[in-house]
Amino acid sequence: MEQHLSQFFTEETAKKAGFTGNIVIQENLDPLITSLEYDSRNVKSKSLFFALPGLHTDGSLYINDAINNGASVIVHENEINKNDKKENVIYLKVKNARFAMSPISAAFYDFPSQQLLVIGVTGTEGKSTTVYLIWQLLKLLNKKTGFISTVQHCLGDDIQWNIEHQTTPEAPVVQRLLREMADNGCEYVVLESSSHGLSPKTNRLGDVNFCCGVLTNLTHEHLEFHGTWEQYRDDKANLFRTLDKYRIKQKKNKNLEQIPFSVINADDKSAKYFIKAAKCRAYKYSPAGRDGDIILEAIESGTLGNWYIIYIPSLNERLNFRDRLPGAFNSANVLAAILTVSNLLNLPIKEIVPLVKELKPVKGRMTTIEKGQPFEVVIDYAHTPSSFQAIFPPLRERLDKTGGKIISLFGSAGERDTKKRSEQGQMAAAFSDIIILTDEDPRKENPMDILEEISKGVIQEQNKTIFSRNENLFLIPNRPLAIRTALGLAKKGDLVILLGKGHENSIIYADHTVQFDEISETEKALGEMGFGN
């Protein structure tokens, strides 16, 4: 993509971006822009550079580096001394450089979301899986669709792995990917929408036109960023508040009369809050068998997947079907996906249900490792108290029947919500026999300090199991070593569950990043034990 600055930095864009000056782009100084960058190391000739204030450094310190690398336009919020400005470089001062990235990026990439039907999926748990299931259903129905998630993204053809530990990318990346999807002929896009991405603080999704918003659930998470649970919920609700943007497009196209709409988990305590925020037709699904447009009446979970009975009140009809997704908790994600696609395409639910058995799980979500060992090994991305609550009870119930022990391995991310750490420990202790605490992404925090905080929740008198250090509670920061310790403690019939990393491919420390893949590392450790050879 390339445009001259005057082509996309119009008066309207400047106003939305919070530009504080007068737009006077001289004909002899109207640079051709070929990329938008917010990391000076990625700047090349004909780049526009956003100088962002950051958590650990300030982008203003790297303006000269960006210019030396070829940047011809600088978007900044801090004052720049007139004597420090370079000739033949345009400086655009805005109120908030990070906020400005979204409107400028959308304009540069020619507003791609206006050419697509974008489904946003938000919530605390289940976002990535629900995105992936919606994408698969649309693909099975021969709709060319792209998606962006924590785990992967697809621009319309092959799936690519998300190498960043970021659910919703920064605005220039979001808009670039949407542009590629539109150019590739996609009609639909399923976009995992994090609370960070929906917050005005980052404005990553501020200029994406959504036609549908999906809520999976809402529990305790990311208070280090949002401050309060109420603000966290309010930021999530921004996805649903934006749905009104599609009303104008809806009037022009009779094929779009069914949008905008929302899909809400009726069992969530905040369901009514999100329905009110959406101000459009809301469809509800109920995994708990209560009330909604699609209700789960019964589920039987096994190692090969789940068997369902659902009830459709509007038709007074019950449907039976199965999936191949491990974990009964996936029923909520399946119901959300079915209801979304049904209303998006105006198709009866009974026409979508037969496709559910074709759906594949996301890598790192209840992934079973089989190398001939006499115990189970499962890897999952769960990293919050509520996700622990969803995963552990059915595993505990099953292991109690066979007499096996549950050996849990997990950690907690550094520079993130600290309140959840002891809660994670307490939840794991309620269902585990042995707990091993290890690094997740310590970042700039001391790894052992994080593990000590988690252990406070593990060692509590009210726990059914009494945990003692170096007996059934181990603090081992080195994750590869921790994995080997967990596997070494497992006996026949036990279950080793490794939580928190799932699909991710690295561990982030203060001054370096270690390449790490939980699945391959576990398979390697089992090989060292003589299994799978």
Protein backbone atom coordinates (compact mmCIF):
# COMPACT_ATOMS: atom_id res chain seq x y z
CA MET A 1 0.00 0.00 0.00
CA GLU A 2 1.28 3.47 -0.80
CA GLN A 3 -0.27 6.91 -0.65
CA HIS A 4 0.91 10.46 -0.58
CA LEU A 5 0.40 12.05 2.83
CA SER A 6 -2.20 14.49 1.47
CA GLN A 7 -4.30 11.60 0.18
CA PHE A 8 -4.99 10.06 3.59
CA PHE A 9 -4.17 12.77 6.14
CA THR A 10 -7.29 14.76 5.33
CA GLU A 11 -9.09 17.27 7.53
CA GLU A 12 -11.42 14.52 8.77
CA THR A 13 -8.53 12.17 9.59
CA ALA A 14 -6.60 14.98 11.28
CA LYS A 15 -9.60 15.83 13.44
CA LYS A 16 -10.11 12.19 14.51
CA ALA A 17 -6.39 11.87 15.20
CA GLY A 18 -6.35 14.91 17.49
CA PHE A 19 -4.01 16.91 15.25
CA THR A 20 -3.25 20.21 16.99
CA GLY A 21 -2.00 22.28 14.04
CA ASN A 22 -3.22 23.48 10.66
CA ILE A 23 -3.01 21.12 7.72
CA VAL A 24 -0.70 22.72 5.18
CA ILE A 25 0.95 20.07 3.04
CA GLN A 26 3.03 21.79 0.39
CA GLU A 27 3.04 20.35 -3.07
CA ASN A 28 6.82 20.07 -3.02
CA LEU A 29 6.71 18.36 0.38
CA ASP A 30 3.97 15.74 0.08
CA PRO A 31 5.90 12.52 0.70
CA LEU A 32 4.84 9.15 -0.63
CA ILE A 33 4.25 6.85 2.35
CA THR A 34 4.67 3.08 1.96
CA SER A 35 4.56 1.92 5.58
CA LEU A 36 3.41 2.93 9.05
CA GLU A 37 5.79 2.11 11.89
CA TYR A 38 5.87 2.57 15.68
CA ASP A 39 9.25 0.87 16.23
CA SER A 40 12.16 2.92 14.89
CA ARG A 41 14.06 -0.29 14.14
CA ASN A 42 11.46 -1.21 11.53
CA VAL A 43 11.49 2.16 9.80
CA LYS A 44 12.71 2.29 6.22
CA SER A 45 12.60 4.77 3.36
CA LYS A 46 9.14 6.37 2.92
CA SER A 47 7.89 5.37 6.38
CA LEU A 48 5.62 7.34 8.68
CA PHE A 49 6.79 6.96 12.28
CA PHE A 50 4.57 7.16 15.38
CA ALA A 51 6.62 8.30 18.41
CA LEU A 52 4.71 6.56 21.20
CA PRO A 53 5.13 7.07 24.93
CA GLY A 54 5.72 3.62 26.44
CA LEU A 55 5.85 1.73 29.71
CA HIS A 56 9.64 1.47 29.76
CA THR A 57 10.79 4.09 27.22
CA ASP A 58 9.54 6.99 25.08
CA GLY A 59 9.32 6.89 21.30
CA SER A 60 10.31 10.56 21.16
CA LEU A 61 13.84 9.47 22.05
CA TYR A 62 14.01 7.51 18.79
CA ILE A 63 12.73 10.14 16.36
CA ASN A 64 16.18 10.87 14.98
CA ASP A 65 16.84 7.14 14.60
CA ALA A 66 13.61 6.84 12.63
CA ILE A 67 14.59 9.76 10.41
CA ASN A 68 18.05 8.32 9.83
CA ASN A 69 16.36 5.06 8.81
CA GLY A 70 14.25 6.89 6.23
CA ALA A 71 11.12 8.23 7.96
CA SER A 72 9.70 11.28 6.20
CA VAL A 73 6.74 11.93 8.52
CA ILE A 74 6.78 11.94 12.34
CA VAL A 75 3.58 11.75 14.40
CA HIS A 76 4.35 12.86 17.96
CA GLU A 77 2.67 14.23 21.08
CA ASN A 78 5.65 15.74 22.95
CA GLU A 79 6.97 19.16 21.96
CA ILE A 80 9.99 19.12 19.66
CA ASN A 81 12.43 22.01 19.73
CA LYS A 82 12.36 23.94 16.47
CA ASN A 83 16.14 23.66 16.19
CA ASP A 84 15.92 19.87 16.46
CA LYS A 85 13.57 19.52 13.49
CA LYS A 86 15.06 18.25 10.25
CA GLU A 87 14.46 19.70 6.82
CA ASN A 88 12.25 17.74 4.42
CA VAL A 89 10.59 15.95 7.34
CA ILE A 90 6.96 16.64 8.26
CA TYR A 91 6.13 16.74 11.97
CA LEU A 92 2.50 16.15 12.97
CA LYS A 93 1.79 16.95 16.63
CA VAL A 94 -1.25 15.21 18.08
CA LYS A 95 -2.82 15.06 21.54
CA ASN A 96 -2.21 11.32 21.90
CA ALA A 97 0.09 9.53 19.46
CA ARG A 98 -1.14 6.04 20.35
CA PHE A 99 -4.79 7.04 19.93
CA ALA A 100 -3.96 8.73 16.61
CA MET A 101 -2.55 5.52 15.13
CA SER A 102 -6.02 4.09 14.55
CA PRO A 103 -7.66 6.83 12.42
CA ILE A 104 -4.44 7.46 10.50
CA SER A 105 -3.92 3.74 9.84
CA ALA A 106 -7.53 3.23 8.76
CA ALA A 107 -7.26 6.14 6.33
CA PHE A 108 -3.88 4.99 4.98
CA TYR A 109 -5.22 1.50 4.24
CA ASP A 110 -8.41 2.98 2.73
CA PHE A 111 -10.83 1.90 5.47
CA PRO A 112 -10.76 -1.86 4.82
CA SER A 113 -13.32 -2.81 7.48
CA GLN A 114 -15.96 -0.90 5.51
CA GLN A 115 -15.50 -3.48 2.75
CA LEU A 116 -15.81 -6.45 5.08
CA LEU A 117 -18.29 -7.98 7.51
CA VAL A 118 -16.30 -7.98 10.76
CA ILE A 119 -17.36 -10.14 13.70
CA GLY A 120 -15.74 -9.15 17.00
CA VAL A 121 -15.37 -11.73 19.78
CA THR A 122 -14.58 -10.55 23.30
CA GLY A 123 -14.65 -11.97 26.82
CA THR A 124 -12.22 -13.25 29.43
CA GLU A 125 -12.03 -16.87 28.30
CA GLY A 126 -12.88 -18.69 25.09
CA LYS A 127 -12.16 -15.85 22.67
CA SER A 128 -9.53 -17.60 20.54
CA THR A 129 -11.49 -20.84 20.35
CA THR A 130 -14.76 -19.09 19.49
CA VAL A 131 -13.01 -17.06 16.76
CA TYR A 132 -11.53 -20.25 15.33
CA LEU A 133 -14.87 -22.11 15.43
CA ILE A 134 -16.77 -19.27 13.71
CA TRP A 135 -14.07 -19.10 11.04
CA GLN A 136 -14.24 -22.86 10.46
CA LEU A 137 -18.04 -22.86 10.18
CA LEU A 138 -18.00 -20.01 7.66
CA LYS A 139 -15.29 -21.80 5.69
CA LEU A 140 -17.30 -25.05 5.71
CA LEU A 141 -20.21 -23.02 4.32
CA ASN A 142 -17.96 -21.83 1.46
CA LYS A 143 -17.57 -18.27 2.71
CA LYS A 144 -14.11 -16.79 2.20
CA THR A 145 -13.18 -15.59 5.65
CA GLY A 146 -10.14 -14.27 7.48
CA PHE A 147 -9.47 -14.13 11.19
CA ILE A 148 -7.12 -12.64 13.77
CA SER A 149 -6.60 -14.30 17.15
CA THR A 150 -4.10 -14.73 19.95
CA VAL A 151 -2.99 -18.01 18.42
CA GLN A 152 -3.14 -17.55 14.64
CA HIS A 153 -4.42 -15.40 11.82
CA CYS A 154 -5.63 -16.10 8.32
CA LEU A 155 -5.72 -13.54 5.53
CA GLY A 156 -8.03 -15.65 3.40
CA ASP A 157 -5.76 -18.53 2.46
CA ASP A 158 -3.19 -20.27 4.67
CA ILE A 159 -3.16 -19.97 8.47
CA GLN A 160 -0.16 -18.19 10.02
CA TRP A 161 1.01 -18.36 13.63
CA ASN A 162 0.84 -15.27 15.81
CA ILE A 163 4.41 -14.91 17.06
CA GLU A 164 3.57 -12.01 19.43
CA HIS A 165 2.08 -12.43 22.93
CA GLN A 166 -0.60 -9.92 21.97
CA THR A 167 -4.26 -10.76 21.39
CA THR A 168 -5.16 -7.63 19.46
CA PRO A 169 -2.25 -6.13 17.49
CA GLU A 170 -1.58 -2.39 17.34
CA ALA A 171 -3.84 -0.40 15.02
CA PRO A 172 -1.42 -0.22 12.03
CA VAL A 173 -1.13 -4.02 12.06
CA VAL A 174 -4.90 -4.54 12.44
CA GLN A 175 -5.67 -2.22 9.53
CA ARG A 176 -2.91 -3.73 7.35
CA LEU A 177 -4.20 -7.25 7.93
CA LEU A 178 -7.78 -6.16 7.21
CA ARG A 179 -6.60 -4.53 3.97
CA GLU A 180 -4.85 -7.76 2.92
CA MET A 181 -8.01 -9.74 3.69
CA ALA A 182 -10.15 -7.38 1.63
CA ASP A 183 -7.67 -7.51 -1.26
CA ASN A 184 -7.65 -11.32 -1.02
CA GLY A 185 -11.40 -11.40 -1.59
CA CYS A 186 -12.53 -12.12 1.96
CA GLU A 187 -16.15 -11.32 2.70
CA TYR A 188 -16.02 -12.00 6.45
CA VAL A 189 -13.43 -11.43 9.18
CA VAL A 190 -13.54 -12.81 12.73
CA LEU A 191 -11.50 -10.61 15.04
CA GLU A 192 -10.50 -11.49 18.59
CA SER A 193 -11.11 -8.26 20.47
CA SER A 194 -9.24 -7.88 23.74
CA SER A 195 -10.05 -5.37 26.46
CA HIS A 196 -6.71 -3.68 25.72
CA GLY A 197 -7.63 -3.37 22.05
CA LEU A 198 -11.08 -1.98 22.85
CA SER A 199 -9.83 0.53 25.41
CA PRO A 200 -9.52 4.20 24.37
CA LYS A 201 -6.07 4.10 25.97
CA THR A 202 -4.76 2.08 23.00
CA ASN A 203 -7.58 2.65 20.49
CA ARG A 204 -6.36 -0.37 18.50
CA LEU A 205 -9.86 -1.17 17.29
CA GLY A 206 -11.28 2.35 17.36
CA ASP A 207 -11.71 2.53 13.58
CA VAL A 208 -12.90 -1.00 12.87
CA ASN A 209 -16.54 -1.26 11.77
CA PHE A 210 -18.04 -4.32 13.43
CA CYS A 211 -21.30 -5.86 12.24
CA CYS A 212 -21.55 -8.33 15.10
CA GLY A 213 -20.24 -8.54 18.67
CA VAL A 214 -19.91 -11.81 20.59
CA LEU A 215 -19.49 -12.06 24.37
CA THR A 216 -18.08 -15.31 25.77
CA ASN A 217 -17.97 -14.40 29.49
CA LEU A 218 -16.57 -11.82 31.85
CA THR A 219 -14.47 -12.50 34.92
CA HIS A 220 -11.48 -11.03 36.78
CA GLU A 221 -8.56 -10.09 34.48
CA HIS A 222 -6.14 -7.31 33.47
CA LEU A 223 -6.83 -4.94 36.35
CA GLU A 224 -3.19 -3.79 36.14
CA PHE A 225 -4.25 -2.03 32.92
CA HIS A 226 -7.91 -1.10 33.50
CA GLY A 227 -7.66 -0.27 37.21
CA THR A 228 -11.06 -1.61 38.23
CA TRP A 229 -13.33 -4.46 37.20
CA GLU A 230 -15.99 -1.91 36.24
CA GLN A 231 -13.58 -0.19 33.86
CA TYR A 232 -12.55 -3.57 32.43
CA ARG A 233 -16.20 -4.34 31.69
CA ASP A 234 -16.80 -0.86 30.28
CA ASP A 235 -13.87 -1.21 27.88
CA LYS A 236 -15.13 -4.62 26.74
CA ALA A 237 -18.53 -3.06 26.05
CA ASN A 238 -16.99 -0.66 23.51
CA LEU A 239 -17.21 -3.49 20.97
CA PHE A 240 -21.00 -3.53 21.33
CA ARG A 241 -21.37 0.25 21.38
CA THR A 242 -19.75 0.45 17.93
CA LEU A 243 -22.37 -1.79 16.32
CA ASP A 244 -24.55 1.23 15.52
CA LYS A 245 -22.02 2.21 12.85
CA TYR A 246 -23.40 -0.52 10.65
CA ARG A 247 -26.95 0.84 10.62
CA ILE A 248 -26.11 3.23 7.75
CA LYS A 249 -24.67 0.41 5.64
CA GLN A 250 -27.60 -1.79 6.59
CA LYS A 251 -30.13 0.61 5.03
CA LYS A 252 -28.31 0.58 1.70
CA ASN A 253 -28.21 -3.20 1.28
CA LYS A 254 -31.23 -5.45 1.79
CA ASN A 255 -28.89 -8.43 2.14
CA LEU A 256 -27.59 -6.90 5.36
CA GLU A 257 -30.93 -6.37 7.08
CA GLN A 258 -29.99 -8.87 9.80
CA ILE A 259 -27.07 -6.77 11.03
CA PRO A 260 -25.92 -5.35 13.31
CA PHE A 261 -26.58 -7.87 16.07
CA SER A 262 -24.92 -9.22 19.18
CA VAL A 263 -24.47 -12.73 20.57
CA ILE A 264 -24.39 -12.85 24.36
CA ASN A 265 -23.73 -15.58 26.92
CA ALA A 266 -27.04 -15.40 28.80
CA ASP A 267 -25.52 -17.09 31.86
CA ASP A 268 -22.94 -14.36 32.42
CA LYS A 269 -23.74 -11.92 35.24
CA SER A 270 -23.04 -8.98 32.92
CA ALA A 271 -25.28 -10.20 30.07
CA LYS A 272 -27.86 -7.43 30.52
CA TYR A 273 -25.12 -4.80 30.66
CA PHE A 274 -23.77 -5.83 27.26
CA ILE A 275 -27.21 -6.22 25.70
CA LYS A 276 -27.98 -2.64 26.74
CA ALA A 277 -24.63 -1.40 25.38
CA ALA A 278 -25.29 -2.97 21.96
CA LYS A 279 -28.60 -1.17 21.26
CA CYS A 280 -29.41 -3.74 18.58
CA ARG A 281 -30.92 -7.21 18.33
CA ALA A 282 -29.28 -9.52 20.88
CA TYR A 283 -29.25 -13.30 20.54
CA LYS A 284 -28.55 -15.30 23.68
CA TYR A 285 -27.04 -18.72 24.25
CA SER A 286 -27.13 -20.62 27.54
CA PRO A 287 -24.50 -23.28 28.31
CA ALA A 288 -26.09 -23.70 31.76
CA GLY A 289 -29.47 -24.71 30.32
CA ARG A 290 -31.40 -21.67 31.51
CA ASP A 291 -32.82 -19.19 29.01
CA GLY A 292 -31.83 -18.09 25.52
CA ASP A 293 -32.25 -18.56 21.78
CA ILE A 294 -30.18 -21.73 22.01
CA ILE A 295 -30.04 -23.73 25.25
CA LEU A 296 -27.77 -26.61 26.21
CA GLU A 297 -29.98 -29.21 27.86
CA ALA A 298 -27.47 -32.04 28.21
CA ILE A 299 -23.83 -32.79 27.45
CA GLU A 300 -21.72 -35.89 27.78
CA SER A 301 -17.99 -35.32 27.61
CA GLY A 302 -15.39 -37.91 26.65
CA THR A 303 -11.83 -38.13 25.37
CA LEU A 304 -13.09 -37.99 21.78
CA GLY A 305 -15.28 -34.92 22.27
CA ASN A 306 -18.73 -33.94 23.51
CA TRP A 307 -22.27 -35.17 22.76
CA TYR A 308 -24.99 -32.48 22.93
CA ILE A 309 -28.71 -32.05 23.27
CA ILE A 310 -29.75 -28.46 22.59
CA TYR A 311 -33.18 -26.85 22.70
CA ILE A 312 -34.36 -24.09 20.31
CA PRO A 313 -37.30 -22.33 22.06
CA SER A 314 -38.47 -20.44 18.95
CA LEU A 315 -39.00 -23.75 17.14
CA ASN A 316 -39.81 -25.84 20.21
CA GLU A 317 -37.25 -28.27 18.84
CA ARG A 318 -34.39 -30.35 20.22
CA LEU A 319 -31.27 -31.27 18.27
CA ASN A 320 -28.62 -33.94 18.95
CA PHE A 321 -25.06 -33.64 17.68
CA ARG A 322 -21.43 -34.10 18.68
CA ASP A 323 -18.10 -32.35 18.40
CA ARG A 324 -14.47 -33.48 18.48
CA LEU A 325 -13.29 -30.84 20.94
CA PRO A 326 -11.77 -31.95 24.27
CA GLY A 327 -13.36 -30.43 27.36
CA ALA A 328 -17.02 -29.89 28.26
CA PHE A 329 -16.30 -26.15 28.69
CA ASN A 330 -16.04 -25.95 24.89
CA SER A 331 -19.83 -26.26 24.73
CA ALA A 332 -20.14 -22.51 25.37
CA ASN A 333 -17.78 -21.72 22.49
CA VAL A 334 -19.67 -24.09 20.18
CA LEU A 335 -23.06 -22.57 21.02
CA ALA A 336 -21.72 -19.05 20.47
CA ALA A 337 -20.27 -20.01 17.09
CA ILE A 338 -23.47 -21.73 15.92
CA LEU A 339 -25.68 -18.81 16.93
CA THR A 340 -23.35 -16.25 15.33
CA VAL A 341 -23.11 -18.01 11.97
CA SER A 342 -26.82 -18.82 11.92
CA ASN A 343 -27.80 -15.16 12.22
CA LEU A 344 -24.94 -13.86 10.10
CA LEU A 345 -26.00 -15.98 7.13
CA ASN A 346 -29.73 -16.24 7.92
CA LEU A 347 -29.43 -20.01 8.09
CA PRO A 348 -31.48 -22.28 10.39
CA ILE A 349 -29.48 -23.71 13.27
CA LYS A 350 -30.37 -27.24 12.15
CA GLU A 351 -28.41 -26.64 8.91
CA ILE A 352 -25.27 -25.66 10.85
CA VAL A 353 -25.34 -28.33 13.57
CA PRO A 354 -24.18 -31.18 11.24
CA LEU A 355 -20.98 -29.24 10.56
CA VAL A 356 -19.95 -29.15 14.23
CA LYS A 357 -18.41 -32.63 14.08
CA GLU A 358 -15.93 -31.25 11.49
CA LEU A 359 -14.58 -28.56 13.81
CA LYS A 360 -10.98 -28.82 14.98
CA PRO A 361 -9.57 -27.60 18.32
CA VAL A 362 -7.07 -24.78 18.67
CA LYS A 363 -3.46 -25.79 19.24
CA GLY A 364 -2.59 -25.52 22.93
CA ARG A 365 -6.20 -25.75 24.09
CA MET A 366 -6.62 -29.03 26.02
CA THR A 367 -4.04 -30.61 23.74
CA THR A 368 -3.26 -34.23 24.70
CA ILE A 369 0.32 -35.49 24.39
CA GLU A 370 0.51 -39.22 23.67
CA LYS A 371 3.97 -40.83 23.57
CA GLY A 372 3.11 -44.18 25.09
CA GLN A 373 3.47 -43.01 28.71
CA PRO A 374 1.21 -44.68 31.32
CA PHE A 375 -0.18 -41.32 32.49
CA GLU A 376 -2.07 -38.49 30.79
CA VAL A 377 -0.41 -35.25 29.72
CA VAL A 378 -2.57 -32.26 28.76
CA ILE A 379 -1.48 -28.77 27.71
CA ASP A 380 -3.81 -25.77 27.93
CA TYR A 381 -3.58 -21.97 27.76
CA ALA A 382 -5.71 -21.43 30.91
CA HIS A 383 -4.14 -18.66 33.01
CA THR A 384 -6.96 -17.12 35.07
CA PRO A 385 -8.86 -18.32 38.17
CA SER A 386 -12.08 -18.59 36.15
CA SER A 387 -10.45 -20.65 33.41
CA PHE A 388 -9.05 -22.94 36.13
CA GLN A 389 -12.60 -23.26 37.46
CA ALA A 390 -13.79 -24.36 34.02
CA ILE A 391 -11.02 -26.91 33.45
CA PHE A 392 -10.33 -28.56 36.81
CA PRO A 393 -13.72 -29.83 38.12
CA PRO A 394 -14.45 -32.33 35.31
CA LEU A 395 -10.85 -33.57 35.43
CA ARG A 396 -11.05 -34.03 39.21
CA GLU A 397 -14.34 -35.89 38.88
CA ARG A 398 -12.86 -38.24 36.29
CA LEU A 399 -9.61 -38.88 38.18
CA ASP A 400 -11.48 -39.55 41.42
CA LYS A 401 -13.22 -42.45 39.69
CA THR A 402 -9.91 -44.02 38.67
CA GLY A 403 -7.82 -43.11 41.71
CA GLY A 404 -5.31 -41.05 39.74
CA LYS A 405 -3.58 -37.90 40.95
CA ILE A 406 -3.62 -34.49 39.27
CA ILE A 407 -0.21 -32.86 38.91
CA SER A 408 -0.62 -29.19 37.94
CA LEU A 409 2.09 -26.94 36.51
CA PHE A 410 1.54 -23.22 35.95
CA GLY A 411 2.74 -19.69 36.67
CA SER A 412 1.49 -16.13 36.25
CA ALA A 413 2.58 -13.34 33.93
CA GLY A 414 4.79 -10.53 35.17
CA GLU A 415 3.66 -6.89 34.89
CA ARG A 416 0.05 -8.07 34.73
CA ASP A 417 -2.83 -8.35 37.20
CA THR A 418 -1.25 -9.41 40.51
CA LYS A 419 -4.49 -9.97 42.43
CA LYS A 420 -5.27 -13.13 40.47
CA ARG A 421 -2.04 -14.89 41.49
CA SER A 422 -3.10 -16.12 44.92
CA GLU A 423 -6.54 -16.90 43.46
CA GLN A 424 -4.90 -19.10 40.82
CA GLY A 425 -3.05 -20.92 43.58
CA GLN A 426 -6.17 -21.37 45.66
CA MET A 427 -8.19 -22.68 42.71
CA ALA A 428 -5.49 -25.14 41.64
CA ALA A 429 -5.06 -26.34 45.23
CA ALA A 430 -8.75 -27.20 45.45
CA PHE A 431 -8.39 -29.79 42.69
CA SER A 432 -4.71 -30.82 42.52
CA ASP A 433 -2.62 -33.35 44.42
CA ILE A 434 0.75 -31.92 43.40
CA ILE A 435 1.45 -28.36 42.25
CA ILE A 436 4.55 -27.10 40.47
CA LEU A 437 4.86 -23.33 40.06
CA THR A 438 7.05 -22.07 37.24
CA ASP A 439 7.75 -19.17 34.89
CA GLU A 440 5.12 -17.96 32.46
CA ASP A 441 6.35 -14.55 31.24
CA PRO A 442 8.08 -12.84 34.20
CA ARG A 443 9.06 -9.81 32.11
CA LYS A 444 10.77 -7.30 34.44
CA GLU A 445 9.51 -8.87 37.68
CA ASN A 446 11.58 -11.22 39.81
CA PRO A 447 10.41 -14.75 38.82
CA MET A 448 10.56 -16.13 42.37
CA ASP A 449 8.51 -13.23 43.73
CA ILE A 450 5.69 -14.16 41.34
CA LEU A 451 5.80 -17.82 42.38
CA GLU A 452 5.79 -16.88 46.06
CA GLU A 453 2.65 -14.80 45.53
CA ILE A 454 0.89 -17.74 43.86
CA SER A 455 2.00 -20.09 46.63
CA LYS A 456 0.16 -17.99 49.22
CA GLY A 457 -3.08 -19.18 47.67
CA VAL A 458 -1.88 -22.78 47.55
CA ILE A 459 -0.92 -22.97 51.22
CA GLN A 460 -4.18 -22.29 53.03
CA GLU A 461 -5.71 -24.22 55.90
CA GLN A 462 -9.13 -24.56 54.26
CA ASN A 463 -7.67 -26.48 51.30
CA LYS A 464 -8.72 -30.13 51.16
CA THR A 465 -5.11 -31.13 50.46
CA ILE A 466 -2.35 -29.89 52.76
CA PHE A 467 0.50 -28.56 50.62
CA SER A 468 4.09 -28.43 51.85
CA ARG A 469 7.12 -27.03 50.06
CA ASN A 470 9.27 -29.63 48.31
CA GLU A 471 6.77 -32.39 49.13
CA ASN A 472 3.74 -31.68 46.98
CA LEU A 473 4.42 -28.00 46.23
CA PHE A 474 7.47 -27.05 44.18
CA LEU A 475 8.67 -23.62 43.05
CA ILE A 476 10.86 -24.15 39.98
CA PRO A 477 11.26 -21.01 37.81
CA ASN A 478 13.03 -22.88 35.00
CA ARG A 479 10.06 -24.12 32.97
CA PRO A 480 11.80 -26.95 31.07
CA LEU A 481 13.12 -28.28 34.40
CA ALA A 482 9.67 -27.87 35.97
CA ILE A 483 8.10 -29.90 33.16
CA ARG A 484 10.58 -32.71 33.71
CA THR A 485 9.90 -32.63 37.44
CA ALA A 486 6.14 -32.90 36.85
CA LEU A 487 6.50 -35.80 34.43
CA GLY A 488 8.96 -37.53 36.75
CA LEU A 489 6.44 -37.43 39.60
CA ALA A 490 3.63 -38.95 37.54
CA LYS A 491 2.58 -42.56 38.12
CA LYS A 492 0.33 -44.85 36.12
CA GLY A 493 -3.18 -43.39 35.86
CA ASP A 494 -2.16 -39.86 36.90
CA LEU A 495 -2.80 -36.66 34.94
CA VAL A 496 -0.15 -33.99 34.33
CA ILE A 497 -1.69 -30.72 33.20
CA LEU A 498 0.55 -27.88 32.01
CA LEU A 499 -1.16 -24.49 32.03
CA GLY A 500 -0.54 -20.93 30.90
CA LYS A 501 1.59 -21.21 27.77
CA GLY A 502 -0.50 -23.30 25.37
CA HIS A 503 0.27 -22.16 21.83
CA GLU A 504 2.88 -19.54 22.76
CA ASN A 505 6.41 -19.90 21.45
CA SER A 506 8.55 -17.98 23.95
CA ILE A 507 9.05 -16.94 27.56
CA ILE A 508 9.68 -13.22 28.12
CA TYR A 509 12.23 -12.14 30.72
CA ALA A 510 13.53 -8.69 31.71
CA ASP A 511 16.44 -8.55 29.29
CA HIS A 512 15.87 -11.45 26.92
CA THR A 513 13.30 -13.76 25.40
CA VAL A 514 13.71 -17.55 25.40
CA GLN A 515 12.25 -19.50 22.49
CA PHE A 516 9.95 -22.07 24.02
CA ASP A 517 7.20 -24.36 22.74
CA GLU A 518 5.32 -26.23 25.50
CA ILE A 519 4.22 -29.08 23.25
CA SER A 520 7.61 -29.84 21.69
CA GLU A 521 9.39 -29.37 25.05
CA THR A 522 7.02 -31.87 26.69
CA GLU A 523 7.44 -34.36 23.87
CA LYS A 524 11.22 -33.97 24.18
CA ALA A 525 11.06 -34.58 27.95
CA LEU A 526 8.94 -37.70 27.48
CA GLY A 527 11.48 -38.91 24.91
CA GLU A 528 14.25 -38.46 27.47
CA MET A 529 12.21 -40.71 29.77
CA GLY A 530 12.15 -43.42 27.11
CA PHE A 531 8.65 -42.86 25.76
CA GLY A 532 7.89 -42.49 22.06
CA ASN A 533 11.27 -43.76 20.90
